[in-house]
C-alpha atoms as a PDB file:
ATOM      1  CA  UNK A   1     -40.665-103.626  72.827  1.00  0.00           C
ATOM      2  CA  UNK A   2     -39.941-102.348  76.291  1.00  0.00           C
ATOM      3  CA  UNK A   3     -40.276-104.188  79.614  1.00  0.00           C
ATOM      4  CA  UNK A   4     -43.564-102.494  80.529  1.00  0.00           C
ATOM      5  CA  UNK A   5     -45.260-103.657  77.316  1.00  0.00           C
ATOM      6  CA  UNK A   6     -43.999-107.244  77.794  1.00  0.00           C
ATOM      7  CA  UNK A   7     -45.171-107.215  81.435  1.00  0.00           C
ATOM      8  CA  UNK A   8     -48.626-105.928  80.436  1.00  0.00           C
ATOM      9  CA  UNK A   9     -48.829-108.474  77.620  1.00  0.00           C
ATOM     10  CA  UNK A  10     -48.024-111.319  80.070  1.00  0.00           C
ATOM     11  CA  UNK A  11     -50.683-110.045  82.496  1.00  0.00           C
ATOM     12  CA  UNK A  12     -53.218-110.049  79.649  1.00  0.00           C
ATOM     13  CA  UNK A  13     -52.329-113.651  78.707  1.00  0.00           C
ATOM     14  CA  UNK A  14     -52.564-114.847  82.322  1.00  0.00           C
ATOM     15  CA  UNK A  15     -55.883-113.046  82.801  1.00  0.00           C
ATOM     16  CA  UNK A  16     -57.239-114.523  79.549  1.00  0.00           C
ATOM     17  CA  UNK A  17     -56.225-118.051  80.615  1.00  0.00           C
ATOM     18  CA  UNK A  18     -57.827-117.523  84.039  1.00  0.00           C
ATOM     19  CA  UNK A  19     -61.083-116.399  82.414  1.00  0.00           C
ATOM     20  CA  UNK A  20     -61.124-119.414  80.046  1.00  0.00           C
ATOM     21  CA  UNK A  21     -60.484-121.833  82.959  1.00  0.00           C
ATOM     22  CA  UNK A  22     -63.181-120.170  85.092  1.00  0.00           C
ATOM     23  CA  UNK A  23     -65.705-120.389  82.238  1.00  0.00           C
ATOM     24  CA  UNK A  24     -64.817-124.047  81.656  1.00  0.00           C
ATOM     25  CA  UNK A  25     -65.288-124.875  85.345  1.00  0.00           C
ATOM     26  CA  UNK A  26     -68.583-123.006  85.436  1.00  0.00           C
ATOM     27  CA  UNK A  27     -69.972-124.441  82.183  1.00  0.00           C
ATOM     28  CA  UNK A  28     -68.876-128.075  82.588  1.00  0.00           C
ATOM     29  CA  UNK A  29     -71.763-129.106  84.877  1.00  0.00           C
ATOM     30  CA  UNK A  30     -74.244-127.458  82.543  1.00  0.00           C
ATOM     31  CA  UNK A  31     -73.125-129.393  79.472  1.00  0.00           C
ATOM     32  CA  UNK A  32     -72.349-132.659  81.274  1.00  0.00           C
ATOM     33  CA  UNK A  33     -74.421-135.662  80.226  1.00  0.00           C
ATOM     34  CA  UNK A  34     -74.996-136.955  83.714  1.00  0.00           C
ATOM     35  CA  UNK A  35     -78.403-138.498  84.421  1.00  0.00           C
ATOM     36  CA  UNK A  36     -78.478-137.119  87.924  1.00  0.00           C
ATOM     37  CA  UNK A  37     -78.005-133.619  86.605  1.00  0.00           C
ATOM     38  CA  UNK A  38     -80.199-134.007  83.540  1.00  0.00           C
ATOM     39  CA  UNK A  39     -83.309-135.200  85.376  1.00  0.00           C
ATOM     40  CA  UNK A  40     -85.429-133.443  87.923  1.00  0.00           C
ATOM     41  CA  UNK A  41     -84.512-134.477  91.443  1.00  0.00           C
ATOM     42  CA  UNK A  42     -87.308-136.393  93.152  1.00  0.00           C
ATOM     43  CA  UNK A  43     -85.899-136.757  96.655  1.00  0.00           C
ATOM     44  CA  UNK A  44     -84.151-139.673  98.264  1.00  0.00           C
ATOM     45  CA  UNK A  45     -85.563-143.070  99.179  1.00  0.00           C
ATOM     46  CA  UNK A  46     -83.705-145.687 101.189  1.00  0.00           C
ATOM     47  CA  UNK A  47     -84.548-149.029 102.729  1.00  0.00           C
ATOM     48  CA  UNK A  48     -82.048-150.604 105.064  1.00  0.00           C
ATOM     49  CA  UNK A  49     -82.326-153.412 107.597  1.00  0.00           C
ATOM     50  CA  UNK A  50     -80.473-155.931 109.691  1.00  0.00           C
ATOM     51  CA  UNK A  51     -82.535-159.041 110.371  1.00  0.00           C
ATOM     52  CA  UNK A  52     -81.823-162.149 112.381  1.00  0.00           C
ATOM     53  CA  UNK A  53     -84.171-165.083 112.877  1.00  0.00           C
ATOM     54  CA  UNK A  54     -83.974-168.442 114.618  1.00  0.00           C
ATOM     55  CA  UNK A  55     -86.443-171.273 115.073  1.00  0.00           C
ATOM     56  CA  UNK A  56     -86.375-174.532 116.992  1.00  0.00           C
ATOM     57  CA  UNK A  57     -88.948-177.303 116.724  1.00  0.00           C
ATOM     58  CA  UNK A  58     -88.420-180.389 118.879  1.00  0.00           C
ATOM     59  CA  UNK A  59     -90.562-183.435 119.541  1.00  0.00           C
ATOM     60  CA  UNK A  60     -89.861-186.454 121.718  1.00  0.00           C
ATOM     61  CA  UNK A  61     -91.877-189.559 122.554  1.00  0.00           C
ATOM     62  CA  UNK A  62     -90.757-192.282 124.946  1.00  0.00           C
ATOM     63  CA  UNK A  63     -92.562-195.492 125.804  1.00  0.00           C
ATOM     64  CA  UNK A  64     -90.979-197.772 128.374  1.00  0.00           C
ATOM     65  CA  UNK A  65     -92.051-200.819 130.337  1.00  0.00           C
ATOM     66  CA  UNK A  66     -89.535-200.013 133.080  1.00  0.00           C
ATOM     67  CA  UNK A  67     -87.932-196.923 134.565  1.00  0.00           C
ATOM     68  CA  UNK A  68     -87.383-194.020 132.194  1.00  0.00           C
ATOM     69  CA  UNK A  69     -84.281-192.088 133.280  1.00  0.00           C
ATOM     70  CA  UNK A  70     -83.121-188.836 131.621  1.00  0.00           C
ATOM     71  CA  UNK A  71     -85.014-189.577 128.417  1.00  0.00           C
ATOM     72  CA  UNK A  72     -87.161-187.575 126.001  1.00  0.00           C
ATOM     73  CA  UNK A  73     -85.755-184.201 126.992  1.00  0.00           C
ATOM     74  CA  UNK A  74     -85.791-181.245 124.624  1.00  0.00           C
ATOM     75  CA  UNK A  75     -83.044-178.666 125.068  1.00  0.00           C
ATOM     76  CA  UNK A  76     -82.758-175.515 122.964  1.00  0.00           C
ATOM     77  CA  UNK A  77     -80.119-172.767 123.314  1.00  0.00           C
ATOM     78  CA  UNK A  78     -80.471-169.766 121.005  1.00  0.00           C
ATOM     79  CA  UNK A  79     -78.330-166.645 120.975  1.00  0.00           C
ATOM     80  CA  UNK A  80     -78.352-163.636 118.673  1.00  0.00           C
ATOM     81  CA  UNK A  81     -75.887-160.793 118.890  1.00  0.00           C
ATOM     82  CA  UNK A  82     -75.703-157.715 116.709  1.00  0.00           C
ATOM     83  CA  UNK A  83     -72.830-155.415 117.554  1.00  0.00           C
ATOM     84  CA  UNK A  84     -72.802-153.600 114.211  1.00  0.00           C
ATOM     85  CA  UNK A  85     -74.325-150.295 113.274  1.00  0.00           C
ATOM     86  CA  UNK A  86     -77.122-149.422 110.878  1.00  0.00           C
ATOM     87  CA  UNK A  87     -76.511-145.840 109.729  1.00  0.00           C
ATOM     88  CA  UNK A  88     -78.339-143.920 107.017  1.00  0.00           C
ATOM     89  CA  UNK A  89     -77.826-140.346 105.810  1.00  0.00           C
ATOM     90  CA  UNK A  90     -79.759-138.462 103.141  1.00  0.00           C
ATOM     91  CA  UNK A  91     -79.597-134.922 101.834  1.00  0.00           C
ATOM     92  CA  UNK A  92     -82.221-133.230  99.666  1.00  0.00           C
ATOM     93  CA  UNK A  93     -80.606-129.867  98.967  1.00  0.00           C
ATOM     94  CA  UNK A  94     -83.209-128.721  96.464  1.00  0.00           C
ATOM     95  CA  UNK A  95     -86.260-129.732  98.537  1.00  0.00           C
ATOM     96  CA  UNK A  96     -87.722-131.454  95.451  1.00  0.00           C
ATOM     97  CA  UNK A  97     -89.504-134.377  97.000  1.00  0.00           C
ATOM     98  CA  UNK A  98     -87.976-134.843 100.406  1.00  0.00           C
ATOM     99  CA  UNK A  99     -86.463-137.932 101.896  1.00  0.00           C
ATOM    100  CA  UNK A 100     -87.995-141.277 102.703  1.00  0.00           C
ATOM    101  CA  UNK A 101     -86.191-143.822 104.858  1.00  0.00           C
ATOM    102  CA  UNK A 102     -87.205-147.261 106.080  1.00  0.00           C
ATOM    103  CA  UNK A 103     -84.649-148.541 108.522  1.00  0.00           C
ATOM    104  CA  UNK A 104     -84.800-151.362 111.031  1.00  0.00           C
ATOM    105  CA  UNK A 105     -82.919-153.854 113.116  1.00  0.00           C
ATOM    106  CA  UNK A 106     -85.046-156.882 113.891  1.00  0.00           C
ATOM    107  CA  UNK A 107     -84.388-160.071 115.776  1.00  0.00           C
ATOM    108  CA  UNK A 108     -86.809-162.923 116.297  1.00  0.00           C
ATOM    109  CA  UNK A 109     -86.656-166.313 117.941  1.00  0.00           C
ATOM    110  CA  UNK A 110     -89.186-169.066 118.368  1.00  0.00           C
ATOM    111  CA  UNK A 111     -89.148-172.452 119.988  1.00  0.00           C
ATOM    112  CA  UNK A 112     -91.771-175.184 119.900  1.00  0.00           C
ATOM    113  CA  UNK A 113     -91.145-178.194 122.111  1.00  0.00           C
ATOM    114  CA  UNK A 114     -93.240-181.260 122.783  1.00  0.00           C
ATOM    115  CA  UNK A 115     -92.302-184.195 124.963  1.00  0.00           C
ATOM    116  CA  UNK A 116     -94.378-187.233 125.896  1.00  0.00           C
ATOM    117  CA  UNK A 117     -93.300-190.005 128.249  1.00  0.00           C
ATOM    118  CA  UNK A 118     -95.162-193.241 128.937  1.00  0.00           C
ATOM    119  CA  UNK A 119     -93.449-195.403 131.508  1.00  0.00           C
ATOM    120  CA  UNK A 120     -94.313-198.517 133.534  1.00  0.00           C
ATOM    121  CA  UNK A 121     -92.253-197.243 136.485  1.00  0.00           C
ATOM    122  CA  UNK A 122     -90.403-194.027 137.481  1.00  0.00           C
ATOM    123  CA  UNK A 123     -89.760-191.262 134.948  1.00  0.00           C
ATOM    124  CA  UNK A 124     -86.753-189.650 136.628  1.00  0.00           C
ATOM    125  CA  UNK A 125     -85.495-186.567 134.790  1.00  0.00           C
ATOM    126  CA  UNK A 126     -87.489-187.376 131.682  1.00  0.00           C
ATOM    127  CA  UNK A 127     -89.871-185.416 129.471  1.00  0.00           C
ATOM    128  CA  UNK A 128     -88.366-181.997 130.249  1.00  0.00           C
ATOM    129  CA  UNK A 129     -88.438-179.066 127.856  1.00  0.00           C
ATOM    130  CA  UNK A 130     -85.649-176.556 128.340  1.00  0.00           C
ATOM    131  CA  UNK A 131     -85.407-173.422 126.209  1.00  0.00           C
ATOM    132  CA  UNK A 132     -82.842-170.633 126.704  1.00  0.00           C
ATOM    133  CA  UNK A 133     -83.001-167.638 124.364  1.00  0.00           C
ATOM    134  CA  UNK A 134     -80.895-164.496 124.316  1.00  0.00           C
ATOM    135  CA  UNK A 135     -80.964-161.445 122.053  1.00  0.00           C
ATOM    136  CA  UNK A 136     -78.487-158.606 122.226  1.00  0.00           C
ATOM    137  CA  UNK A 137     -78.108-155.538 120.048  1.00  0.00           C
ATOM    138  CA  UNK A 138     -75.246-153.311 121.141  1.00  0.00           C
ATOM    139  CA  UNK A 139     -75.030-151.485 117.809  1.00  0.00           C
ATOM    140  CA  UNK A 140     -76.860-148.329 116.881  1.00  0.00           C
ATOM    141  CA  UNK A 141     -79.614-147.488 114.424  1.00  0.00           C
ATOM    142  CA  UNK A 142     -79.136-143.894 113.269  1.00  0.00           C
ATOM    143  CA  UNK A 143     -80.781-141.954 110.451  1.00  0.00           C
ATOM    144  CA  UNK A 144     -80.020-138.378 109.393  1.00  0.00           C
ATOM    145  CA  UNK A 145     -81.984-136.413 106.840  1.00  0.00           C
ATOM    146  CA  UNK A 146     -81.901-132.832 105.717  1.00  0.00           C
END
């Protein structure tokens, strides 16, 4: 056998291997037993949220025969901070049902205060309701769909 025949034979073997590999790569998704591939795509649905909630309920009752000083006060300090991100991305390449996304960042605060003072004399600094509430969201809420 001369060098030309060996060279042509090697080219034929390499080409045959390349064809077999190409067919295997092409056919593998078709014969794969993957649920996502085997079922009809019905779009994407996502629900995502960040929620924060606070509540404060305070009651005070003072009864005094003398001076009532700095008594029966309700003080409430509430702070909520969300510096995270709420990101959602969906892709419906086949347009078989579209995308549905429900995404939210919610914060809520409530305060209920009740103070009653009964005094026979002065009620200095008594029966006060103080409520300080703060909410801050420095994150982002982003959704992308195609």
